[in-house]
Amino acid sequence: MLVGTGEVPPLEARANAFDYATSDGLWSSGNDNSQNDFAWTELDPYSALAYGFGDLNCHQKYERSWIINDNQMPVCTRDVGIFFGLAVGGFWFSRKGYNRWTVKDTCLSLLPDSWLEGTYLKNRRTLVWLLCGLALCLPLIIDGFTQLLTSYESNNITRPLTGIGFGVGLGVLISATYSAKSKYFKSASQVSLPGGMKFQLVEEE
């Protein structure tokens, strides 16, 4: 383990800003009200990269973070779930997904063709694609906004669990966006779709 026991004190930062880059001066506002100064630039390169990323990306609230070896993790538990889901989504797509010309059809390639025959027959691809995305994001949306708008306080089990679905969806979307390329087909009709359906480009008059 590169970071020593208790080397990272309780953090409380802002998202989208550097608060712990230095002990004092520029980019050190996180240390203003802290008894233990912390600067991730003083860590080893690997740990500095992790905590620098967390500093910029996450609010790093102590009560919403896991503690390992008496060190607060670089990101909150919600982000841990999102990043884990991102890796799962990317891996899932790398094993099961393939290019189907458009981003949404490439995303839907992860589902069994037998499930999608009716969807393609009735051309409800966009609706199903959006519903799948909503289903993956909804737990995070409900948990996050309920916490924001009411007295409800989520916990460090619920936060990562609701983040995983969002991360999976994001991982799949990024992978599909990268993989969906029409240039690998001579024509749209070459794309293999569920139920033997074929794309047909509408010619401009």
N, C-alpha and C. Protein backbone atom coordinates (compact mmCIF):
# COMPACT_ATOMS: atom_id res chain seq x y z
N MET A 1 0.85 -1.19 0.00
CA MET A 1 0.00 0.00 0.00
C MET A 1 0.88 1.24 0.00
N LEU A 2 0.63 2.16 -0.93
CA LEU A 2 1.51 3.30 -1.11
C LEU A 2 1.27 4.39 -0.08
N VAL A 3 0.02 4.60 0.32
CA VAL A 3 -0.31 5.63 1.31
C VAL A 3 -0.24 5.01 2.70
N GLY A 4 0.52 5.62 3.58
CA GLY A 4 0.68 5.09 4.93
C GLY A 4 -0.59 5.20 5.75
N THR A 5 -0.65 4.44 6.82
CA THR A 5 -1.83 4.45 7.69
C THR A 5 -2.08 5.85 8.25
N GLY A 6 -3.30 6.32 8.09
CA GLY A 6 -3.68 7.62 8.63
C GLY A 6 -3.06 8.82 7.95
N GLU A 7 -2.52 8.62 6.76
CA GLU A 7 -1.85 9.73 6.06
C GLU A 7 -2.85 10.71 5.45
N VAL A 8 -4.04 10.22 5.14
CA VAL A 8 -5.08 11.09 4.56
C VAL A 8 -6.10 11.42 5.65
N PRO A 9 -6.21 12.67 6.04
CA PRO A 9 -7.16 13.06 7.10
C PRO A 9 -8.58 13.16 6.54
N PRO A 10 -9.56 13.39 7.39
CA PRO A 10 -10.93 13.62 6.89
C PRO A 10 -10.96 14.80 5.92
N LEU A 11 -11.59 14.58 4.77
CA LEU A 11 -11.64 15.60 3.72
C LEU A 11 -13.06 16.14 3.58
N GLU A 12 -13.18 17.34 3.10
CA GLU A 12 -14.47 17.98 2.84
C GLU A 12 -14.23 19.01 1.75
N ALA A 13 -14.52 18.64 0.51
CA ALA A 13 -14.13 19.50 -0.60
C ALA A 13 -15.33 19.91 -1.44
N ARG A 14 -15.04 20.60 -2.54
CA ARG A 14 -16.05 20.96 -3.53
C ARG A 14 -15.83 20.10 -4.76
N ALA A 15 -16.91 19.80 -5.45
CA ALA A 15 -16.77 19.12 -6.73
C ALA A 15 -16.36 20.12 -7.80
N ASN A 16 -15.66 19.64 -8.81
CA ASN A 16 -15.24 20.46 -9.96
C ASN A 16 -14.29 21.59 -9.56
N ALA A 17 -13.48 21.35 -8.55
CA ALA A 17 -12.50 22.34 -8.12
C ALA A 17 -11.40 21.63 -7.34
N PHE A 18 -10.20 22.20 -7.37
CA PHE A 18 -9.11 21.67 -6.56
C PHE A 18 -9.13 22.33 -5.19
N ASP A 19 -9.20 21.52 -4.14
CA ASP A 19 -9.23 22.03 -2.77
C ASP A 19 -8.07 21.53 -1.92
N TYR A 20 -7.39 20.49 -2.40
CA TYR A 20 -6.32 19.89 -1.60
C TYR A 20 -5.04 19.68 -2.41
N ALA A 21 -4.82 20.52 -3.41
CA ALA A 21 -3.61 20.37 -4.21
C ALA A 21 -2.37 20.80 -3.42
N THR A 22 -2.53 21.79 -2.56
CA THR A 22 -1.41 22.29 -1.75
C THR A 22 -1.86 22.44 -0.30
N SER A 23 -0.89 22.55 0.58
CA SER A 23 -1.21 22.71 2.01
C SER A 23 -1.75 24.10 2.32
N ASP A 24 -1.25 25.10 1.61
CA ASP A 24 -1.75 26.46 1.78
C ASP A 24 -1.56 27.21 0.47
N GLY A 25 -2.18 28.37 0.39
CA GLY A 25 -2.09 29.15 -0.83
C GLY A 25 -3.09 28.69 -1.88
N LEU A 26 -2.66 28.73 -3.13
CA LEU A 26 -3.54 28.38 -4.24
C LEU A 26 -3.99 26.93 -4.16
N TRP A 27 -5.29 26.70 -4.41
CA TRP A 27 -5.89 25.36 -4.45
C TRP A 27 -5.74 24.62 -3.12
N SER A 28 -5.94 25.34 -2.02
CA SER A 28 -5.82 24.71 -0.71
C SER A 28 -7.00 25.04 0.20
N SER A 29 -8.12 25.45 -0.40
CA SER A 29 -9.24 25.91 0.42
C SER A 29 -9.79 24.81 1.33
N GLY A 30 -9.57 23.55 0.98
CA GLY A 30 -10.04 22.47 1.84
C GLY A 30 -9.33 22.42 3.17
N ASN A 31 -8.15 23.02 3.24
CA ASN A 31 -7.38 23.03 4.48
C ASN A 31 -7.69 24.23 5.37
N ASP A 32 -8.55 25.13 4.91
CA ASP A 32 -8.80 26.37 5.66
C ASP A 32 -9.35 26.10 7.06
N ASN A 33 -10.26 25.14 7.16
CA ASN A 33 -10.89 24.86 8.45
C ASN A 33 -10.49 23.49 8.99
N SER A 34 -9.35 23.00 8.56
CA SER A 34 -8.90 21.68 8.98
C SER A 34 -7.69 21.78 9.92
N GLN A 35 -7.67 20.92 10.90
CA GLN A 35 -6.53 20.89 11.82
C GLN A 35 -5.35 20.11 11.23
N ASN A 36 -5.64 19.27 10.24
CA ASN A 36 -4.59 18.45 9.62
C ASN A 36 -4.48 18.82 8.14
N ASP A 37 -3.44 19.55 7.78
CA ASP A 37 -3.26 19.94 6.39
C ASP A 37 -2.96 18.71 5.53
N PHE A 38 -3.51 18.73 4.33
CA PHE A 38 -3.31 17.62 3.40
C PHE A 38 -3.09 18.18 2.00
N ALA A 39 -2.13 17.64 1.29
CA ALA A 39 -1.87 18.02 -0.10
C ALA A 39 -1.54 16.77 -0.89
N TRP A 40 -2.39 16.46 -1.87
CA TRP A 40 -2.15 15.23 -2.64
C TRP A 40 -0.91 15.34 -3.53
N THR A 41 -0.46 16.56 -3.79
CA THR A 41 0.76 16.72 -4.59
C THR A 41 2.00 16.24 -3.84
N GLU A 42 1.87 16.03 -2.54
CA GLU A 42 3.00 15.55 -1.75
C GLU A 42 3.03 14.02 -1.64
N LEU A 43 2.03 13.36 -2.22
CA LEU A 43 1.98 11.90 -2.20
C LEU A 43 2.81 11.33 -3.35
N ASP A 44 2.97 10.02 -3.37
CA ASP A 44 3.63 9.37 -4.49
C ASP A 44 2.79 9.58 -5.75
N PRO A 45 3.38 9.47 -6.94
CA PRO A 45 2.67 9.79 -8.19
C PRO A 45 1.35 9.05 -8.37
N TYR A 46 1.33 7.76 -8.06
CA TYR A 46 0.11 6.98 -8.25
C TYR A 46 -1.01 7.48 -7.33
N SER A 47 -0.69 7.65 -6.06
CA SER A 47 -1.69 8.12 -5.10
C SER A 47 -2.09 9.56 -5.40
N ALA A 48 -1.12 10.37 -5.83
CA ALA A 48 -1.43 11.76 -6.17
C ALA A 48 -2.42 11.83 -7.33
N LEU A 49 -2.25 10.95 -8.30
CA LEU A 49 -3.18 10.92 -9.44
C LEU A 49 -4.59 10.57 -8.97
N ALA A 50 -4.69 9.57 -8.09
CA ALA A 50 -5.99 9.14 -7.59
C ALA A 50 -6.66 10.24 -6.77
N TYR A 51 -5.91 10.83 -5.85
CA TYR A 51 -6.50 11.86 -4.99
C TYR A 51 -6.69 13.18 -5.74
N GLY A 52 -5.85 13.46 -6.72
CA GLY A 52 -6.05 14.64 -7.54
C GLY A 52 -7.32 14.53 -8.37
N PHE A 53 -7.54 13.34 -8.93
CA PHE A 53 -8.77 13.10 -9.69
C PHE A 53 -9.98 13.23 -8.77
N GLY A 54 -9.89 12.64 -7.58
CA GLY A 54 -10.99 12.73 -6.64
C GLY A 54 -11.25 14.16 -6.19
N ASP A 55 -10.18 14.91 -5.98
CA ASP A 55 -10.31 16.30 -5.56
C ASP A 55 -11.09 17.11 -6.59
N LEU A 56 -10.78 16.91 -7.86
CA LEU A 56 -11.45 17.66 -8.93
C LEU A 56 -12.86 17.15 -9.19
N ASN A 57 -13.05 15.86 -9.10
CA ASN A 57 -14.30 15.24 -9.53
C ASN A 57 -15.37 15.18 -8.44
N CYS A 58 -14.96 15.05 -7.18
CA CYS A 58 -15.89 14.66 -6.12
C CYS A 58 -15.89 15.68 -4.98
N HIS A 59 -17.02 15.75 -4.27
CA HIS A 59 -17.09 16.62 -3.09
C HIS A 59 -16.30 16.05 -1.91
N GLN A 60 -16.00 14.76 -1.94
CA GLN A 60 -15.17 14.10 -0.93
C GLN A 60 -15.68 14.30 0.50
N LYS A 61 -16.97 14.25 0.68
CA LYS A 61 -17.51 14.39 2.03
C LYS A 61 -17.11 13.18 2.87
N TYR A 62 -16.58 13.46 4.04
CA TYR A 62 -16.05 12.40 4.89
C TYR A 62 -17.12 11.36 5.24
N GLU A 63 -18.31 11.85 5.62
CA GLU A 63 -19.36 10.94 6.06
C GLU A 63 -19.95 10.13 4.91
N ARG A 64 -19.63 10.50 3.68
CA ARG A 64 -20.13 9.77 2.52
C ARG A 64 -19.02 8.97 1.83
N SER A 65 -17.95 8.75 2.54
CA SER A 65 -16.80 8.04 1.96
C SER A 65 -16.43 6.84 2.82
N TRP A 66 -15.80 5.88 2.20
CA TRP A 66 -15.27 4.74 2.94
C TRP A 66 -13.87 5.04 3.43
N ILE A 67 -13.51 4.46 4.56
CA ILE A 67 -12.19 4.64 5.15
C ILE A 67 -11.45 3.31 5.07
N ILE A 68 -10.29 3.31 4.47
CA ILE A 68 -9.47 2.11 4.35
C ILE A 68 -8.09 2.41 4.93
N ASN A 69 -7.65 1.56 5.85
CA ASN A 69 -6.35 1.74 6.49
C ASN A 69 -6.24 3.13 7.14
N ASP A 70 -7.37 3.57 7.70
CA ASP A 70 -7.44 4.88 8.37
C ASP A 70 -7.20 6.03 7.39
N ASN A 71 -7.47 5.79 6.11
CA ASN A 71 -7.37 6.84 5.09
C ASN A 71 -8.71 6.96 4.36
N GLN A 72 -9.18 8.18 4.20
CA GLN A 72 -10.40 8.39 3.43
C GLN A 72 -10.12 8.12 1.96
N MET A 73 -11.02 7.41 1.30
CA MET A 73 -10.83 7.11 -0.12
C MET A 73 -10.90 8.39 -0.96
N PRO A 74 -10.31 8.38 -2.15
CA PRO A 74 -10.26 9.60 -2.98
C PRO A 74 -11.63 10.11 -3.42
N VAL A 75 -12.61 9.21 -3.54
CA VAL A 75 -13.95 9.62 -3.98
C VAL A 75 -14.99 9.05 -3.03
N CYS A 76 -16.19 9.61 -3.07
CA CYS A 76 -17.27 9.16 -2.20
C CYS A 76 -17.78 7.79 -2.66
N THR A 77 -18.62 7.19 -1.84
CA THR A 77 -19.11 5.85 -2.15
C THR A 77 -19.99 5.84 -3.40
N ARG A 78 -20.71 6.93 -3.66
CA ARG A 78 -21.52 6.99 -4.87
C ARG A 78 -20.63 6.89 -6.10
N ASP A 79 -19.54 7.63 -6.08
CA ASP A 79 -18.61 7.59 -7.21
C ASP A 79 -17.94 6.23 -7.33
N VAL A 80 -17.66 5.59 -6.20
CA VAL A 80 -17.09 4.24 -6.25
C VAL A 80 -18.03 3.32 -7.03
N GLY A 81 -19.32 3.41 -6.72
CA GLY A 81 -20.31 2.60 -7.42
C GLY A 81 -20.37 2.93 -8.91
N ILE A 82 -20.33 4.23 -9.22
CA ILE A 82 -20.39 4.65 -10.62
C ILE A 82 -19.18 4.13 -11.40
N PHE A 83 -18.00 4.27 -10.83
CA PHE A 83 -16.79 3.83 -11.53
C PHE A 83 -16.74 2.31 -11.66
N PHE A 84 -17.23 1.62 -10.64
CA PHE A 84 -17.31 0.16 -10.74
C PHE A 84 -18.28 -0.23 -11.86
N GLY A 85 -19.44 0.43 -11.88
CA GLY A 85 -20.42 0.16 -12.93
C GLY A 85 -19.88 0.50 -14.31
N LEU A 86 -19.11 1.57 -14.39
CA LEU A 86 -18.49 1.96 -15.66
C LEU A 86 -17.60 0.85 -16.20
N ALA A 87 -16.81 0.26 -15.30
CA ALA A 87 -15.94 -0.85 -15.70
C ALA A 87 -16.76 -2.07 -16.11
N VAL A 88 -17.82 -2.35 -15.36
CA VAL A 88 -18.68 -3.50 -15.68
C VAL A 88 -19.36 -3.29 -17.03
N GLY A 89 -19.88 -2.08 -17.26
CA GLY A 89 -20.55 -1.79 -18.53
C GLY A 89 -19.61 -1.92 -19.71
N GLY A 90 -18.39 -1.40 -19.55
CA GLY A 90 -17.42 -1.51 -20.63
C GLY A 90 -17.02 -2.95 -20.90
N PHE A 91 -16.83 -3.72 -19.82
CA PHE A 91 -16.46 -5.12 -19.98
C PHE A 91 -17.60 -5.91 -20.61
N TRP A 92 -18.82 -5.66 -20.16
CA TRP A 92 -20.00 -6.33 -20.71
C TRP A 92 -20.10 -6.08 -22.21
N PHE A 93 -19.92 -4.83 -22.60
CA PHE A 93 -20.02 -4.52 -24.03
C PHE A 93 -18.89 -5.19 -24.81
N SER A 94 -17.71 -5.24 -24.23
CA SER A 94 -16.57 -5.85 -24.94
C SER A 94 -16.79 -7.33 -25.19
N ARG A 95 -17.61 -7.98 -24.36
CA ARG A 95 -17.88 -9.41 -24.52
C ARG A 95 -19.11 -9.67 -25.39
N LYS A 96 -20.13 -8.83 -25.28
CA LYS A 96 -21.43 -9.14 -25.90
C LYS A 96 -21.90 -8.13 -26.94
N GLY A 97 -21.38 -6.93 -26.91
CA GLY A 97 -21.88 -5.90 -27.82
C GLY A 97 -21.19 -5.92 -29.17
N TYR A 98 -21.86 -5.39 -30.17
CA TYR A 98 -21.24 -5.27 -31.49
C TYR A 98 -21.89 -4.14 -32.28
N ASN A 99 -21.20 -3.75 -33.32
CA ASN A 99 -21.58 -2.61 -34.14
C ASN A 99 -22.87 -2.88 -34.92
N ARG A 100 -23.86 -2.02 -34.70
CA ARG A 100 -25.10 -2.09 -35.47
C ARG A 100 -25.44 -0.74 -36.10
N TRP A 101 -24.41 -0.07 -36.58
CA TRP A 101 -24.56 1.15 -37.37
C TRP A 101 -24.81 2.38 -36.50
N THR A 102 -25.91 2.38 -35.71
CA THR A 102 -26.23 3.55 -34.87
C THR A 102 -25.88 3.26 -33.42
N VAL A 103 -25.76 4.32 -32.63
CA VAL A 103 -25.41 4.17 -31.22
C VAL A 103 -26.49 3.40 -30.46
N LYS A 104 -27.75 3.77 -30.68
CA LYS A 104 -28.82 3.10 -29.92
C LYS A 104 -28.94 1.63 -30.29
N ASP A 105 -28.80 1.31 -31.56
CA ASP A 105 -28.88 -0.10 -31.97
C ASP A 105 -27.67 -0.88 -31.48
N THR A 106 -26.53 -0.22 -31.41
CA THR A 106 -25.33 -0.87 -30.89
C THR A 106 -25.48 -1.12 -29.39
N CYS A 107 -26.08 -0.20 -28.67
CA CYS A 107 -26.39 -0.43 -27.25
C CYS A 107 -27.33 -1.62 -27.09
N LEU A 108 -28.38 -1.66 -27.91
CA LEU A 108 -29.38 -2.71 -27.81
C LEU A 108 -28.84 -4.08 -28.21
N SER A 109 -27.68 -4.11 -28.86
CA SER A 109 -27.11 -5.40 -29.25
C SER A 109 -26.74 -6.26 -28.04
N LEU A 110 -26.70 -5.66 -26.86
CA LEU A 110 -26.41 -6.42 -25.64
C LEU A 110 -27.57 -7.31 -25.23
N LEU A 111 -28.76 -6.97 -25.67
CA LEU A 111 -29.94 -7.76 -25.31
C LEU A 111 -30.15 -8.89 -26.31
N PRO A 112 -30.69 -10.02 -25.87
CA PRO A 112 -30.93 -11.13 -26.80
C PRO A 112 -31.85 -10.71 -27.95
N ASP A 113 -31.53 -11.15 -29.15
CA ASP A 113 -32.35 -10.79 -30.31
C ASP A 113 -33.81 -11.21 -30.13
N SER A 114 -34.02 -12.33 -29.44
CA SER A 114 -35.39 -12.83 -29.26
C SER A 114 -36.24 -11.85 -28.46
N TRP A 115 -35.59 -11.05 -27.61
CA TRP A 115 -36.32 -10.06 -26.82
C TRP A 115 -36.69 -8.84 -27.67
N LEU A 116 -36.00 -8.65 -28.76
CA LEU A 116 -36.11 -7.40 -29.50
C LEU A 116 -36.86 -7.52 -30.83
N GLU A 117 -37.30 -8.71 -31.16
CA GLU A 117 -37.95 -8.88 -32.46
C GLU A 117 -39.17 -7.98 -32.60
N GLY A 118 -40.02 -7.95 -31.58
CA GLY A 118 -41.19 -7.08 -31.62
C GLY A 118 -40.82 -5.61 -31.64
N THR A 119 -39.76 -5.27 -30.92
CA THR A 119 -39.28 -3.88 -30.87
C THR A 119 -38.88 -3.40 -32.25
N TYR A 120 -38.16 -4.24 -32.98
CA TYR A 120 -37.71 -3.84 -34.32
C TYR A 120 -38.85 -3.93 -35.34
N LEU A 121 -39.74 -4.89 -35.16
CA LEU A 121 -40.87 -5.02 -36.07
C LEU A 121 -41.76 -3.78 -36.02
N LYS A 122 -41.94 -3.24 -34.80
CA LYS A 122 -42.80 -2.07 -34.62
C LYS A 122 -41.99 -0.77 -34.57
N ASN A 123 -40.68 -0.89 -34.80
CA ASN A 123 -39.77 0.27 -34.81
C ASN A 123 -39.89 1.10 -33.52
N ARG A 124 -39.76 0.41 -32.40
CA ARG A 124 -39.79 1.08 -31.11
C ARG A 124 -38.40 1.08 -30.46
N ARG A 125 -37.39 1.09 -31.29
CA ARG A 125 -36.01 1.01 -30.81
C ARG A 125 -35.65 2.17 -29.89
N THR A 126 -36.01 3.36 -30.30
CA THR A 126 -35.66 4.54 -29.50
C THR A 126 -36.33 4.48 -28.13
N LEU A 127 -37.59 4.09 -28.10
CA LEU A 127 -38.33 4.00 -26.84
C LEU A 127 -37.68 2.98 -25.91
N VAL A 128 -37.37 1.80 -26.43
CA VAL A 128 -36.77 0.75 -25.60
C VAL A 128 -35.38 1.18 -25.12
N TRP A 129 -34.63 1.80 -25.99
CA TRP A 129 -33.29 2.29 -25.64
C TRP A 129 -33.36 3.30 -24.50
N LEU A 130 -34.29 4.24 -24.60
CA LEU A 130 -34.45 5.26 -23.56
C LEU A 130 -34.95 4.65 -22.25
N LEU A 131 -35.85 3.69 -22.35
CA LEU A 131 -36.37 3.04 -21.14
C LEU A 131 -35.28 2.24 -20.43
N CYS A 132 -34.43 1.59 -21.20
CA CYS A 132 -33.31 0.86 -20.59
C CYS A 132 -32.37 1.82 -19.86
N GLY A 133 -32.08 2.94 -20.50
CA GLY A 133 -31.23 3.94 -19.87
C GLY A 133 -31.86 4.50 -18.61
N LEU A 134 -33.16 4.77 -18.68
CA LEU A 134 -33.87 5.31 -17.52
C LEU A 134 -33.87 4.31 -16.37
N ALA A 135 -34.06 3.03 -16.69
CA ALA A 135 -34.08 2.00 -15.65
C ALA A 135 -32.75 1.92 -14.92
N LEU A 136 -31.65 2.11 -15.64
CA LEU A 136 -30.33 2.06 -15.02
C LEU A 136 -30.04 3.31 -14.19
N CYS A 137 -30.58 4.45 -14.62
CA CYS A 137 -30.31 5.72 -13.93
C CYS A 137 -31.28 6.01 -12.79
N LEU A 138 -32.48 5.44 -12.86
CA LEU A 138 -33.54 5.81 -11.94
C LEU A 138 -33.19 5.61 -10.46
N PRO A 139 -32.55 4.50 -10.07
CA PRO A 139 -32.21 4.36 -8.65
C PRO A 139 -31.35 5.51 -8.13
N LEU A 140 -30.35 5.92 -8.91
CA LEU A 140 -29.50 7.03 -8.49
C LEU A 140 -30.29 8.33 -8.44
N ILE A 141 -31.14 8.55 -9.44
CA ILE A 141 -31.94 9.78 -9.48
C ILE A 141 -32.86 9.86 -8.27
N ILE A 142 -33.54 8.77 -7.97
CA ILE A 142 -34.47 8.77 -6.84
C ILE A 142 -33.73 8.98 -5.52
N ASP A 143 -32.64 8.24 -5.33
CA ASP A 143 -31.89 8.35 -4.08
C ASP A 143 -31.27 9.74 -3.93
N GLY A 144 -30.68 10.23 -5.00
CA GLY A 144 -30.01 11.52 -4.94
C GLY A 144 -30.96 12.68 -4.72
N PHE A 145 -32.05 12.72 -5.48
CA PHE A 145 -32.97 13.85 -5.36
C PHE A 145 -33.83 13.76 -4.10
N THR A 146 -34.12 12.56 -3.64
CA THR A 146 -34.83 12.44 -2.36
C THR A 146 -33.97 12.98 -1.23
N GLN A 147 -32.69 12.70 -1.30
CA GLN A 147 -31.76 13.22 -0.30
C GLN A 147 -31.63 14.74 -0.40
N LEU A 148 -31.65 15.25 -1.63
CA LEU A 148 -31.50 16.68 -1.85
C LEU A 148 -32.73 17.47 -1.40
N LEU A 149 -33.91 16.91 -1.65
CA LEU A 149 -35.15 17.67 -1.46
C LEU A 149 -35.87 17.38 -0.15
N THR A 150 -35.44 16.36 0.57
CA THR A 150 -36.11 16.01 1.83
C THR A 150 -35.07 15.84 2.94
N SER A 151 -35.53 15.43 4.09
CA SER A 151 -34.63 15.20 5.22
C SER A 151 -33.98 13.82 5.16
N TYR A 152 -34.34 13.04 4.16
CA TYR A 152 -33.77 11.70 4.00
C TYR A 152 -32.27 11.78 3.75
N GLU A 153 -31.52 10.92 4.40
CA GLU A 153 -30.08 10.84 4.20
C GLU A 153 -29.73 9.42 3.79
N SER A 154 -29.17 9.29 2.60
CA SER A 154 -28.76 7.98 2.11
C SER A 154 -27.60 7.45 2.95
N ASN A 155 -27.18 6.23 2.70
CA ASN A 155 -26.08 5.66 3.47
C ASN A 155 -25.03 5.09 2.53
N ASN A 156 -23.95 4.63 3.10
CA ASN A 156 -22.81 4.20 2.29
C ASN A 156 -22.93 2.78 1.76
N ILE A 157 -24.11 2.21 1.88
CA ILE A 157 -24.43 0.97 1.17
C ILE A 157 -25.34 1.30 -0.02
N THR A 158 -26.34 2.13 0.24
CA THR A 158 -27.28 2.51 -0.82
C THR A 158 -26.60 3.34 -1.90
N ARG A 159 -25.73 4.25 -1.50
CA ARG A 159 -25.09 5.14 -2.48
C ARG A 159 -24.33 4.37 -3.57
N PRO A 160 -23.42 3.47 -3.21
CA PRO A 160 -22.71 2.75 -4.28
C PRO A 160 -23.62 1.83 -5.08
N LEU A 161 -24.61 1.23 -4.42
CA LEU A 161 -25.52 0.33 -5.14
C LEU A 161 -26.31 1.09 -6.20
N THR A 162 -26.77 2.29 -5.86
CA THR A 162 -27.51 3.08 -6.85
C THR A 162 -26.59 3.67 -7.91
N GLY A 163 -25.32 3.82 -7.56
CA GLY A 163 -24.37 4.34 -8.54
C GLY A 163 -23.97 3.32 -9.59
N ILE A 164 -24.03 2.03 -9.24
CA ILE A 164 -23.58 0.99 -10.16
C ILE A 164 -24.39 1.00 -11.45
N GLY A 165 -25.72 1.06 -11.33
CA GLY A 165 -26.56 1.04 -12.52
C GLY A 165 -26.25 2.20 -13.46
N PHE A 166 -26.09 3.38 -12.88
CA PHE A 166 -25.75 4.56 -13.68
C PHE A 166 -24.41 4.34 -14.39
N GLY A 167 -23.45 3.79 -13.66
CA GLY A 167 -22.14 3.53 -14.24
C GLY A 167 -22.19 2.52 -15.37
N VAL A 168 -22.98 1.46 -15.18
CA VAL A 168 -23.14 0.46 -16.24
C VAL A 168 -23.70 1.11 -17.50
N GLY A 169 -24.75 1.90 -17.33
CA GLY A 169 -25.34 2.58 -18.48
C GLY A 169 -24.35 3.50 -19.18
N LEU A 170 -23.58 4.23 -18.38
CA LEU A 170 -22.59 5.13 -18.96
C LEU A 170 -21.49 4.35 -19.68
N GLY A 171 -21.06 3.24 -19.09
CA GLY A 171 -20.04 2.42 -19.72
C GLY A 171 -20.51 1.85 -21.05
N VAL A 172 -21.75 1.40 -21.08
CA VAL A 172 -22.32 0.86 -22.32
C VAL A 172 -22.44 1.96 -23.37
N LEU A 173 -22.92 3.13 -22.95
CA LEU A 173 -23.10 4.24 -23.89
C LEU A 173 -21.77 4.69 -24.49
N ILE A 174 -20.75 4.82 -23.66
CA ILE A 174 -19.43 5.22 -24.16
C ILE A 174 -18.89 4.17 -25.13
N SER A 175 -19.03 2.90 -24.76
CA SER A 175 -18.54 1.82 -25.62
C SER A 175 -19.28 1.79 -26.95
N ALA A 176 -20.60 1.95 -26.88
CA ALA A 176 -21.40 1.92 -28.11
C ALA A 176 -21.10 3.12 -28.99
N THR A 177 -20.89 4.27 -28.37
CA THR A 177 -20.56 5.47 -29.15
C THR A 177 -19.24 5.29 -29.90
N TYR A 178 -18.30 4.65 -29.24
CA TYR A 178 -17.01 4.38 -29.88
C TYR A 178 -17.12 3.31 -30.96
N SER A 179 -18.01 2.33 -30.75
CA SER A 179 -18.07 1.16 -31.63
C SER A 179 -19.01 1.32 -32.82
N ALA A 180 -20.02 2.17 -32.69
CA ALA A 180 -21.01 2.31 -33.76
C ALA A 180 -20.43 3.09 -34.93
N LYS A 181 -20.03 2.37 -35.97
CA LYS A 181 -19.38 3.02 -37.12
C LYS A 181 -19.97 2.46 -38.41
N SER A 182 -20.60 3.33 -39.17
CA SER A 182 -21.23 2.89 -40.42
C SER A 182 -20.20 2.55 -41.50
N LYS A 183 -18.98 3.02 -41.34
CA LYS A 183 -17.97 2.82 -42.39
C LYS A 183 -17.59 1.35 -42.57
N TYR A 184 -17.93 0.52 -41.59
CA TYR A 184 -17.59 -0.90 -41.70
C TYR A 184 -18.65 -1.70 -42.48
N PHE A 185 -19.66 -1.01 -42.99
CA PHE A 185 -20.69 -1.66 -43.79
C PHE A 185 -20.72 -1.02 -45.18
N LYS A 186 -20.91 -1.84 -46.19
CA LYS A 186 -21.04 -1.29 -47.54
C LYS A 186 -22.37 -0.56 -47.71
N SER A 187 -23.38 -1.04 -46.98
CA SER A 187 -24.69 -0.38 -47.01
C SER A 187 -25.41 -0.69 -45.71
N ALA A 188 -26.46 0.08 -45.42
CA ALA A 188 -27.21 -0.10 -44.19
C ALA A 188 -27.89 -1.47 -44.14
N SER A 189 -28.21 -2.02 -45.29
CA SER A 189 -28.91 -3.31 -45.34
C SER A 189 -28.03 -4.47 -44.89
N GLN A 190 -26.73 -4.24 -44.76
CA GLN A 190 -25.83 -5.29 -44.31
C GLN A 190 -25.86 -5.50 -42.80
N VAL A 191 -26.46 -4.56 -42.08
CA VAL A 191 -26.49 -4.66 -40.62
C VAL A 191 -27.44 -5.78 -40.21
N SER A 192 -26.95 -6.68 -39.36
CA SER A 192 -27.77 -7.79 -38.88
C SER A 192 -28.62 -7.33 -37.71
N LEU A 193 -29.94 -7.40 -37.87
CA LEU A 193 -30.88 -6.93 -36.85
C LEU A 193 -31.78 -8.07 -36.39
N PRO A 194 -32.38 -7.96 -35.22
CA PRO A 194 -33.27 -9.00 -34.72
C PRO A 194 -34.43 -9.28 -35.67
N GLY A 195 -34.83 -10.54 -35.74
CA GLY A 195 -35.97 -10.91 -36.56
C GLY A 195 -35.73 -10.79 -38.05
N GLY A 196 -34.46 -10.71 -38.45
CA GLY A 196 -34.15 -10.60 -39.87
C GLY A 196 -34.48 -9.24 -40.46
N MET A 197 -34.73 -8.26 -39.61
CA MET A 197 -35.05 -6.92 -40.10
C MET A 197 -33.82 -6.28 -40.74
N LYS A 198 -34.06 -5.32 -41.63
CA LYS A 198 -32.98 -4.63 -42.31
C LYS A 198 -33.21 -3.13 -42.26
N PHE A 199 -32.10 -2.40 -42.15
CA PHE A 199 -32.19 -0.95 -42.27
C PHE A 199 -32.39 -0.58 -43.74
N GLN A 200 -33.12 0.48 -43.95
CA GLN A 200 -33.26 1.01 -45.29
C GLN A 200 -33.16 2.52 -45.21
N LEU A 201 -32.13 3.07 -45.83
CA LEU A 201 -31.94 4.51 -45.79
C LEU A 201 -32.98 5.19 -46.67
N VAL A 202 -33.53 6.27 -46.15
CA VAL A 202 -34.52 7.04 -46.90
C VAL A 202 -33.79 7.98 -47.84
N GLU A 203 -34.07 7.84 -49.11
CA GLU A 203 -33.41 8.69 -50.09
C GLU A 203 -34.08 10.05 -50.14
N GLU A 204 -33.25 11.08 -50.24
CA GLU A 204 -33.78 12.43 -50.35
C GLU A 204 -34.36 12.65 -51.74
N GLU A 205 -35.49 13.34 -51.77
CA GLU A 205 -36.12 13.61 -53.06
C GLU A 205 -35.44 14.77 -53.76
